[in-house]
N, C-alpha and C. Protein backbone atom coordinates (compact mmCIF):
# COMPACT_ATOMS: atom_id res chain seq x y z
N MET A 1 170.18 206.26 55.14
CA MET A 1 170.09 205.06 55.94
C MET A 1 169.07 205.27 57.08
N GLY A 2 168.34 204.31 57.35
CA GLY A 2 167.29 204.40 58.38
C GLY A 2 167.43 203.44 59.52
N TYR A 3 166.74 203.74 60.53
CA TYR A 3 166.66 202.89 61.75
C TYR A 3 165.21 202.46 61.79
N TYR A 4 164.99 201.20 62.07
CA TYR A 4 163.67 200.61 61.99
C TYR A 4 163.18 200.20 63.37
N THR A 5 161.88 200.48 63.61
CA THR A 5 161.16 199.89 64.74
C THR A 5 159.94 199.17 64.13
N ARG A 6 159.49 198.15 64.82
CA ARG A 6 158.42 197.34 64.33
C ARG A 6 157.47 196.99 65.43
N VAL A 7 156.23 196.76 65.09
CA VAL A 7 155.26 196.21 66.06
C VAL A 7 154.67 194.98 65.38
N PHE A 8 154.93 193.80 65.94
CA PHE A 8 154.40 192.55 65.45
C PHE A 8 153.04 192.34 66.11
N CYS A 9 152.01 192.40 65.30
CA CYS A 9 150.62 192.42 65.80
C CYS A 9 149.94 191.04 65.55
N SER A 10 149.24 190.59 66.63
CA SER A 10 148.52 189.35 66.53
C SER A 10 147.04 189.53 66.39
N SER A 11 146.58 190.78 66.38
CA SER A 11 145.19 191.07 66.14
C SER A 11 144.87 191.03 64.65
N LYS A 12 143.71 190.47 64.35
CA LYS A 12 143.26 190.43 62.95
C LYS A 12 142.79 191.80 62.47
N ARG A 13 142.40 192.61 63.46
CA ARG A 13 141.94 194.00 63.19
C ARG A 13 143.14 194.88 62.97
N LYS A 14 143.07 195.66 61.83
CA LYS A 14 144.22 196.53 61.48
C LYS A 14 143.87 197.96 61.78
N PRO A 15 144.88 198.76 62.17
CA PRO A 15 144.61 200.18 62.41
C PRO A 15 144.41 200.92 61.12
N LYS A 16 143.55 201.94 61.16
CA LYS A 16 143.41 202.87 60.04
C LYS A 16 144.41 204.00 60.28
N ILE A 17 144.88 204.58 59.20
CA ILE A 17 145.80 205.68 59.31
C ILE A 17 145.21 206.83 60.13
N ILE A 18 143.91 207.11 59.88
CA ILE A 18 143.25 208.16 60.55
C ILE A 18 143.28 207.96 62.06
N ASP A 19 143.15 206.70 62.51
CA ASP A 19 143.19 206.41 63.99
C ASP A 19 144.58 206.64 64.54
N LEU A 20 145.57 206.32 63.77
CA LEU A 20 146.98 206.53 64.19
C LEU A 20 147.23 208.04 64.38
N ILE A 21 146.80 208.81 63.37
CA ILE A 21 147.01 210.22 63.38
C ILE A 21 146.20 210.90 64.51
N ASN A 22 144.92 210.50 64.62
CA ASN A 22 144.12 211.08 65.69
C ASN A 22 144.64 210.79 67.11
N ASN A 23 145.25 209.58 67.29
CA ASN A 23 145.83 209.29 68.56
C ASN A 23 147.01 210.19 68.83
N LEU A 24 147.89 210.33 67.85
CA LEU A 24 149.07 211.19 68.02
C LEU A 24 148.64 212.64 68.31
N LYS A 25 147.63 213.11 67.60
CA LYS A 25 147.12 214.46 67.85
C LYS A 25 146.49 214.59 69.26
N SER A 26 145.82 213.54 69.70
CA SER A 26 145.15 213.61 71.01
C SER A 26 146.13 213.72 72.18
N VAL A 27 147.37 213.27 71.93
CA VAL A 27 148.36 213.40 73.00
C VAL A 27 149.30 214.57 72.77
N GLY A 28 148.90 215.45 71.81
CA GLY A 28 149.62 216.74 71.71
C GLY A 28 150.57 216.91 70.56
N PHE A 29 150.68 215.91 69.64
CA PHE A 29 151.61 216.05 68.56
C PHE A 29 150.93 216.77 67.37
N ASP A 30 151.59 217.73 66.75
CA ASP A 30 151.13 218.40 65.60
C ASP A 30 151.72 217.68 64.39
N ILE A 31 151.02 216.71 63.86
CA ILE A 31 151.48 215.88 62.75
C ILE A 31 150.49 215.81 61.63
N LYS A 32 150.95 215.33 60.50
CA LYS A 32 150.07 215.08 59.35
C LYS A 32 150.72 214.01 58.47
N SER A 33 149.97 213.57 57.49
CA SER A 33 150.48 212.55 56.56
C SER A 33 150.55 213.12 55.16
N ASN A 34 151.12 212.36 54.24
CA ASN A 34 151.17 212.82 52.88
C ASN A 34 149.98 212.37 52.03
N LEU A 35 148.92 211.76 52.69
CA LEU A 35 147.83 211.18 52.00
C LEU A 35 146.63 212.16 51.97
N ASP A 36 145.74 211.90 51.01
CA ASP A 36 144.45 212.60 50.97
C ASP A 36 143.55 212.11 52.09
N GLU A 37 142.60 212.92 52.42
CA GLU A 37 141.65 212.58 53.51
C GLU A 37 140.95 211.24 53.30
N LYS A 38 140.53 210.91 52.06
CA LYS A 38 139.83 209.63 51.82
C LYS A 38 140.76 208.45 52.03
N ASP A 39 142.10 208.62 51.76
CA ASP A 39 143.04 207.52 51.94
C ASP A 39 143.30 207.23 53.38
N LEU A 40 143.04 208.16 54.25
CA LEU A 40 143.25 207.97 55.67
C LEU A 40 142.34 206.93 56.28
N GLU A 41 141.19 206.74 55.64
CA GLU A 41 140.17 205.76 56.14
C GLU A 41 140.35 204.38 55.54
N ASN A 42 141.25 204.25 54.59
CA ASN A 42 141.36 202.94 53.87
C ASN A 42 141.93 201.89 54.88
N PRO A 43 141.16 200.81 55.11
CA PRO A 43 141.66 199.74 56.02
C PRO A 43 142.78 198.91 55.41
N ASP A 44 143.00 198.98 54.09
CA ASP A 44 143.97 198.17 53.44
C ASP A 44 145.17 198.92 52.99
N TRP A 45 145.55 199.95 53.78
CA TRP A 45 146.78 200.75 53.51
C TRP A 45 148.01 199.88 53.59
N THR A 46 149.07 200.30 52.93
CA THR A 46 150.35 199.63 53.02
C THR A 46 151.43 200.55 53.48
N ASP A 47 151.35 201.84 53.21
CA ASP A 47 152.41 202.76 53.63
C ASP A 47 151.98 204.19 53.56
N PHE A 48 152.60 205.02 54.37
CA PHE A 48 152.39 206.50 54.30
C PHE A 48 153.58 207.18 54.96
N GLU A 49 153.68 208.48 54.72
CA GLU A 49 154.68 209.32 55.33
C GLU A 49 154.05 210.03 56.51
N LEU A 50 154.67 209.96 57.66
CA LEU A 50 154.16 210.67 58.86
C LEU A 50 155.08 211.88 59.05
N ILE A 51 154.48 213.06 58.87
CA ILE A 51 155.28 214.31 58.88
C ILE A 51 155.06 214.93 60.27
N TYR A 52 156.12 215.02 61.01
CA TYR A 52 156.07 215.56 62.35
C TYR A 52 156.71 216.91 62.47
N ASP A 53 157.53 217.31 61.44
CA ASP A 53 158.18 218.61 61.37
C ASP A 53 158.43 218.90 59.88
N SER A 54 157.95 220.05 59.45
CA SER A 54 158.10 220.38 58.02
C SER A 54 159.55 220.58 57.55
N GLU A 55 160.43 220.75 58.50
CA GLU A 55 161.89 220.95 58.27
C GLU A 55 162.67 219.66 58.26
N ARG A 56 162.03 218.54 58.53
CA ARG A 56 162.69 217.26 58.72
C ARG A 56 162.09 216.23 57.77
N LEU A 57 162.88 215.16 57.49
CA LEU A 57 162.35 214.04 56.75
C LEU A 57 161.27 213.37 57.52
N PRO A 58 160.27 212.84 56.83
CA PRO A 58 159.13 212.18 57.58
C PRO A 58 159.55 210.79 58.05
N LEU A 59 158.73 210.25 59.02
CA LEU A 59 158.83 208.85 59.37
C LEU A 59 158.08 208.07 58.28
N LEU A 60 158.68 206.98 57.86
CA LEU A 60 157.99 206.18 56.84
C LEU A 60 157.39 204.97 57.53
N VAL A 61 156.03 204.86 57.38
CA VAL A 61 155.27 203.85 58.12
C VAL A 61 154.70 202.85 57.09
N GLU A 62 154.94 201.61 57.34
CA GLU A 62 154.47 200.51 56.46
C GLU A 62 153.64 199.53 57.31
N LEU A 63 152.65 198.91 56.59
CA LEU A 63 151.96 197.77 57.18
C LEU A 63 152.16 196.60 56.25
N ASN A 64 152.88 195.60 56.73
CA ASN A 64 153.16 194.38 55.95
C ASN A 64 152.37 193.26 56.54
N GLU A 65 151.41 192.73 55.76
CA GLU A 65 150.49 191.74 56.25
C GLU A 65 150.92 190.35 55.69
N ILE A 66 150.81 189.38 56.64
CA ILE A 66 151.14 188.02 56.24
C ILE A 66 150.23 187.61 55.08
N GLY A 67 150.79 187.04 54.06
CA GLY A 67 150.02 186.62 52.89
C GLY A 67 149.65 187.69 51.89
N LYS A 68 149.98 188.97 52.24
CA LYS A 68 149.58 190.09 51.35
C LYS A 68 150.69 191.09 51.09
N SER A 69 151.94 190.69 51.44
CA SER A 69 153.05 191.67 51.30
C SER A 69 154.17 191.10 50.45
N HIS A 70 153.79 190.23 49.53
CA HIS A 70 154.80 189.59 48.63
C HIS A 70 155.92 188.88 49.41
N GLY A 71 155.52 188.37 50.56
CA GLY A 71 156.50 187.57 51.35
C GLY A 71 157.33 188.36 52.33
N LEU A 72 157.23 189.68 52.31
CA LEU A 72 158.04 190.53 53.17
C LEU A 72 157.72 190.26 54.66
N ALA A 73 156.48 190.26 55.06
CA ALA A 73 156.14 190.01 56.45
C ALA A 73 156.65 188.64 56.89
N GLU A 74 156.40 187.63 56.09
CA GLU A 74 156.86 186.26 56.43
C GLU A 74 158.39 186.19 56.57
N GLU A 75 159.06 186.88 55.61
CA GLU A 75 160.55 186.94 55.70
C GLU A 75 161.03 187.54 56.96
N GLU A 76 160.43 188.65 57.41
CA GLU A 76 160.83 189.33 58.60
C GLU A 76 160.55 188.42 59.80
N VAL A 77 159.43 187.82 59.88
CA VAL A 77 159.09 186.96 61.02
C VAL A 77 160.09 185.83 61.06
N ASN A 78 160.36 185.19 59.94
CA ASN A 78 161.29 184.05 59.90
C ASN A 78 162.72 184.45 60.25
N GLU A 79 163.12 185.66 59.83
CA GLU A 79 164.50 186.12 60.17
C GLU A 79 164.66 186.31 61.68
N PHE A 80 163.63 186.88 62.29
CA PHE A 80 163.71 187.06 63.72
C PHE A 80 163.60 185.76 64.51
N LEU A 81 162.77 184.82 64.04
CA LEU A 81 162.73 183.53 64.66
C LEU A 81 164.08 182.83 64.59
N GLU A 82 164.71 182.94 63.43
CA GLU A 82 166.02 182.29 63.26
C GLU A 82 167.06 182.95 64.10
N PHE A 83 167.02 184.29 64.14
CA PHE A 83 168.00 185.04 64.91
C PHE A 83 167.88 184.79 66.40
N ILE A 84 166.67 184.69 66.92
CA ILE A 84 166.45 184.41 68.32
C ILE A 84 166.88 183.02 68.66
N GLY A 85 166.59 182.09 67.79
CA GLY A 85 166.97 180.70 68.06
C GLY A 85 166.04 179.96 69.00
N LYS A 86 166.33 178.75 69.28
CA LYS A 86 165.50 177.94 70.14
C LYS A 86 165.80 178.25 71.60
N PRO A 87 164.77 178.58 72.37
CA PRO A 87 165.03 178.91 73.79
C PRO A 87 165.26 177.65 74.59
N ASN A 88 166.01 177.84 75.71
CA ASN A 88 166.15 176.71 76.60
C ASN A 88 164.92 176.74 77.53
N PHE A 89 164.85 175.78 78.46
CA PHE A 89 163.67 175.61 79.28
C PHE A 89 163.33 176.86 80.10
N LEU A 90 164.36 177.59 80.56
CA LEU A 90 164.09 178.73 81.48
C LEU A 90 163.99 180.02 80.76
N GLN A 91 164.17 180.11 79.48
CA GLN A 91 164.13 181.39 78.76
C GLN A 91 162.68 181.78 78.38
N LEU A 92 161.93 182.16 79.46
CA LEU A 92 160.54 182.47 79.25
C LEU A 92 160.27 183.65 78.36
N ASN A 93 161.12 184.68 78.46
CA ASN A 93 160.95 185.89 77.60
C ASN A 93 161.18 185.57 76.14
N LYS A 94 162.15 184.70 75.88
CA LYS A 94 162.34 184.26 74.48
C LYS A 94 161.15 183.50 73.95
N LYS A 95 160.60 182.64 74.83
CA LYS A 95 159.40 181.90 74.45
C LYS A 95 158.23 182.86 74.14
N LYS A 96 158.12 183.90 74.94
CA LYS A 96 157.05 184.88 74.79
C LYS A 96 157.20 185.61 73.39
N VAL A 97 158.42 185.98 73.07
CA VAL A 97 158.69 186.60 71.77
C VAL A 97 158.38 185.68 70.62
N ILE A 98 158.85 184.45 70.73
CA ILE A 98 158.61 183.45 69.66
C ILE A 98 157.13 183.20 69.49
N SER A 99 156.42 183.11 70.58
CA SER A 99 154.97 182.96 70.51
C SER A 99 154.31 184.08 69.76
N GLN A 100 154.75 185.33 70.10
CA GLN A 100 154.18 186.52 69.41
C GLN A 100 154.52 186.49 67.94
N LEU A 101 155.74 186.15 67.61
CA LEU A 101 156.14 186.14 66.17
C LEU A 101 155.30 185.11 65.43
N ASN A 102 155.06 183.94 66.06
CA ASN A 102 154.32 182.87 65.37
C ASN A 102 152.79 183.27 65.22
N LYS A 103 152.31 184.19 66.08
CA LYS A 103 150.92 184.60 65.98
C LYS A 103 150.70 185.87 65.15
N THR A 104 151.76 186.39 64.62
CA THR A 104 151.76 187.65 63.88
C THR A 104 150.88 187.60 62.64
N TYR A 105 149.94 188.57 62.51
CA TYR A 105 149.14 188.70 61.25
C TYR A 105 149.68 189.83 60.41
N TYR A 106 150.30 190.81 61.06
CA TYR A 106 150.90 191.91 60.25
C TYR A 106 151.99 192.61 61.14
N ILE A 107 152.80 193.38 60.43
CA ILE A 107 153.85 194.15 61.10
C ILE A 107 153.68 195.59 60.70
N VAL A 108 153.65 196.46 61.67
CA VAL A 108 153.70 197.88 61.40
C VAL A 108 155.18 198.26 61.59
N CYS A 109 155.77 198.73 60.50
CA CYS A 109 157.19 199.02 60.49
C CYS A 109 157.41 200.53 60.28
N ILE A 110 158.23 201.12 61.11
CA ILE A 110 158.50 202.56 61.03
C ILE A 110 159.97 202.77 60.76
N GLN A 111 160.27 203.49 59.66
CA GLN A 111 161.66 203.83 59.36
C GLN A 111 161.91 205.27 59.84
N LEU A 112 162.94 205.42 60.70
CA LEU A 112 163.33 206.71 61.20
C LEU A 112 164.54 207.18 60.43
N PRO A 113 164.49 208.40 59.85
CA PRO A 113 165.65 208.88 59.13
C PRO A 113 166.74 209.41 60.09
N ILE A 114 167.61 208.59 60.55
CA ILE A 114 168.49 208.93 61.67
C ILE A 114 169.44 210.11 61.32
N THR A 115 169.61 210.40 60.04
CA THR A 115 170.47 211.54 59.70
C THR A 115 169.68 212.89 59.75
N ASP A 116 168.40 212.81 59.91
CA ASP A 116 167.61 214.03 59.87
C ASP A 116 166.40 213.89 60.81
N ILE A 117 166.65 213.64 62.08
CA ILE A 117 165.58 213.49 63.04
C ILE A 117 165.91 214.22 64.33
N ILE A 118 164.89 214.77 64.95
CA ILE A 118 165.02 215.46 66.26
C ILE A 118 164.26 214.66 67.32
N ASP A 119 164.38 215.09 68.53
CA ASP A 119 163.74 214.35 69.62
C ASP A 119 162.24 214.17 69.42
N LYS A 120 161.55 215.19 68.85
CA LYS A 120 160.14 215.05 68.58
C LYS A 120 159.82 213.80 67.71
N GLY A 121 160.70 213.54 66.70
CA GLY A 121 160.51 212.37 65.82
C GLY A 121 160.59 211.10 66.61
N TYR A 122 161.55 210.99 67.54
CA TYR A 122 161.65 209.79 68.36
C TYR A 122 160.39 209.68 69.28
N ASP A 123 159.93 210.81 69.77
CA ASP A 123 158.75 210.83 70.63
C ASP A 123 157.49 210.34 69.90
N VAL A 124 157.34 210.86 68.67
CA VAL A 124 156.20 210.48 67.86
C VAL A 124 156.28 208.94 67.55
N ASN A 125 157.46 208.50 67.24
CA ASN A 125 157.64 207.02 66.95
C ASN A 125 157.29 206.25 68.23
N GLY A 126 157.73 206.66 69.38
CA GLY A 126 157.45 205.92 70.60
C GLY A 126 155.98 205.82 70.89
N GLU A 127 155.32 206.97 70.71
CA GLU A 127 153.83 206.98 70.95
C GLU A 127 153.09 206.15 69.93
N LEU A 128 153.51 206.21 68.70
CA LEU A 128 152.88 205.41 67.65
C LEU A 128 153.04 203.94 67.88
N MET A 129 154.25 203.50 68.21
CA MET A 129 154.46 202.09 68.56
C MET A 129 153.64 201.64 69.77
N SER A 130 153.65 202.43 70.78
CA SER A 130 152.85 202.06 71.97
C SER A 130 151.40 202.00 71.70
N TYR A 131 150.87 202.88 70.94
CA TYR A 131 149.45 202.85 70.54
C TYR A 131 149.13 201.54 69.79
N VAL A 132 149.95 201.23 68.80
CA VAL A 132 149.68 200.04 68.03
C VAL A 132 149.84 198.78 68.88
N ALA A 133 150.86 198.73 69.67
CA ALA A 133 151.11 197.55 70.51
C ALA A 133 149.91 197.32 71.49
N ASN A 134 149.47 198.44 72.12
CA ASN A 134 148.40 198.37 73.11
C ASN A 134 147.03 198.06 72.54
N ASN A 135 146.77 198.50 71.30
CA ASN A 135 145.42 198.37 70.75
C ASN A 135 145.27 197.31 69.69
N PHE A 136 146.41 196.67 69.25
CA PHE A 136 146.30 195.65 68.23
C PHE A 136 147.14 194.44 68.61
N SER A 137 147.20 194.16 69.91
CA SER A 137 147.93 192.98 70.39
C SER A 137 149.32 192.87 69.81
N GLY A 138 150.10 193.90 70.02
CA GLY A 138 151.45 193.94 69.42
C GLY A 138 152.58 193.80 70.37
N MET A 139 153.74 193.52 69.82
CA MET A 139 154.98 193.50 70.54
C MET A 139 156.02 194.32 69.77
N ILE A 140 156.65 195.23 70.45
CA ILE A 140 157.58 196.18 69.85
C ILE A 140 158.97 195.59 69.67
N GLN A 141 159.59 195.86 68.53
CA GLN A 141 160.96 195.51 68.30
C GLN A 141 161.68 196.70 67.74
N ALA A 142 162.88 196.95 68.25
CA ALA A 142 163.70 198.09 67.74
C ALA A 142 165.08 197.54 67.34
N ASP A 143 165.54 198.01 66.16
CA ASP A 143 166.84 197.61 65.65
C ASP A 143 167.95 197.88 66.65
N LYS A 144 168.86 196.94 66.75
CA LYS A 144 170.02 197.02 67.62
C LYS A 144 169.67 197.11 69.09
N GLU A 145 168.39 196.82 69.44
CA GLU A 145 167.96 196.82 70.81
C GLU A 145 167.33 195.47 71.13
N GLY A 146 166.13 195.24 70.62
CA GLY A 146 165.52 193.99 70.90
C GLY A 146 164.01 194.09 70.92
N PHE A 147 163.39 193.17 71.68
CA PHE A 147 161.92 193.10 71.75
C PHE A 147 161.50 193.67 73.12
N TYR A 148 160.39 194.41 73.10
CA TYR A 148 159.86 195.07 74.30
C TYR A 148 158.47 194.53 74.57
N CYS A 149 158.17 194.44 75.86
CA CYS A 149 156.83 194.15 76.35
C CYS A 149 156.55 195.10 77.47
N ASN A 150 155.47 195.88 77.28
CA ASN A 150 155.11 196.91 78.27
C ASN A 150 156.27 197.87 78.54
N ASN A 151 156.89 198.34 77.44
CA ASN A 151 158.04 199.26 77.49
C ASN A 151 159.27 198.76 78.21
N LYS A 152 159.35 197.46 78.39
CA LYS A 152 160.52 196.84 79.05
C LYS A 152 161.19 195.92 78.08
N LEU A 153 162.48 196.09 77.92
CA LEU A 153 163.24 195.23 77.04
C LEU A 153 163.30 193.79 77.64
N ILE A 154 162.76 192.83 76.88
CA ILE A 154 162.67 191.49 77.41
C ILE A 154 163.59 190.51 76.68
N VAL A 155 163.92 190.81 75.43
CA VAL A 155 164.89 190.00 74.70
C VAL A 155 165.79 190.98 73.93
N LYS A 156 167.07 190.97 74.32
CA LYS A 156 168.03 191.85 73.71
C LYS A 156 168.58 191.19 72.42
N LEU A 157 168.71 192.01 71.36
CA LEU A 157 169.27 191.54 70.13
C LEU A 157 170.56 192.37 69.88
N GLU A 158 171.59 191.64 69.48
CA GLU A 158 172.87 192.30 69.17
C GLU A 158 172.87 192.94 67.85
């Protein structure tokens, strides 16, 4: 069973796996992926394993693009829109999340293996999400928590 975090991105520009890995390495993480060097440069990637500790299960990273993920990205966006519901006049944070969901071009989804993860895995995930959110016009969502803007929980989900 996994725990999921997502970054709903409104940028049309997508991250390359090599850029994600290089960012994590630049801030001190010793990580690698399961892919060959040439695959790290592929702008049309859909998934890879992010290995942060050889003794632990990897983080599973997916990129689900609107119109190119067999409906998965659209389904996730619609599920969150439905779950959040219609905001009232003063619910500005809800409106902000709804606006981001409606502008989403793709979702970077990270599955954390909660039965086999250590603090470093959570730290790698946090840095990865922040990098994607900051560089690709994204908004972070975490299961059983909610939506984050600038590392602050703005809409709580039960």
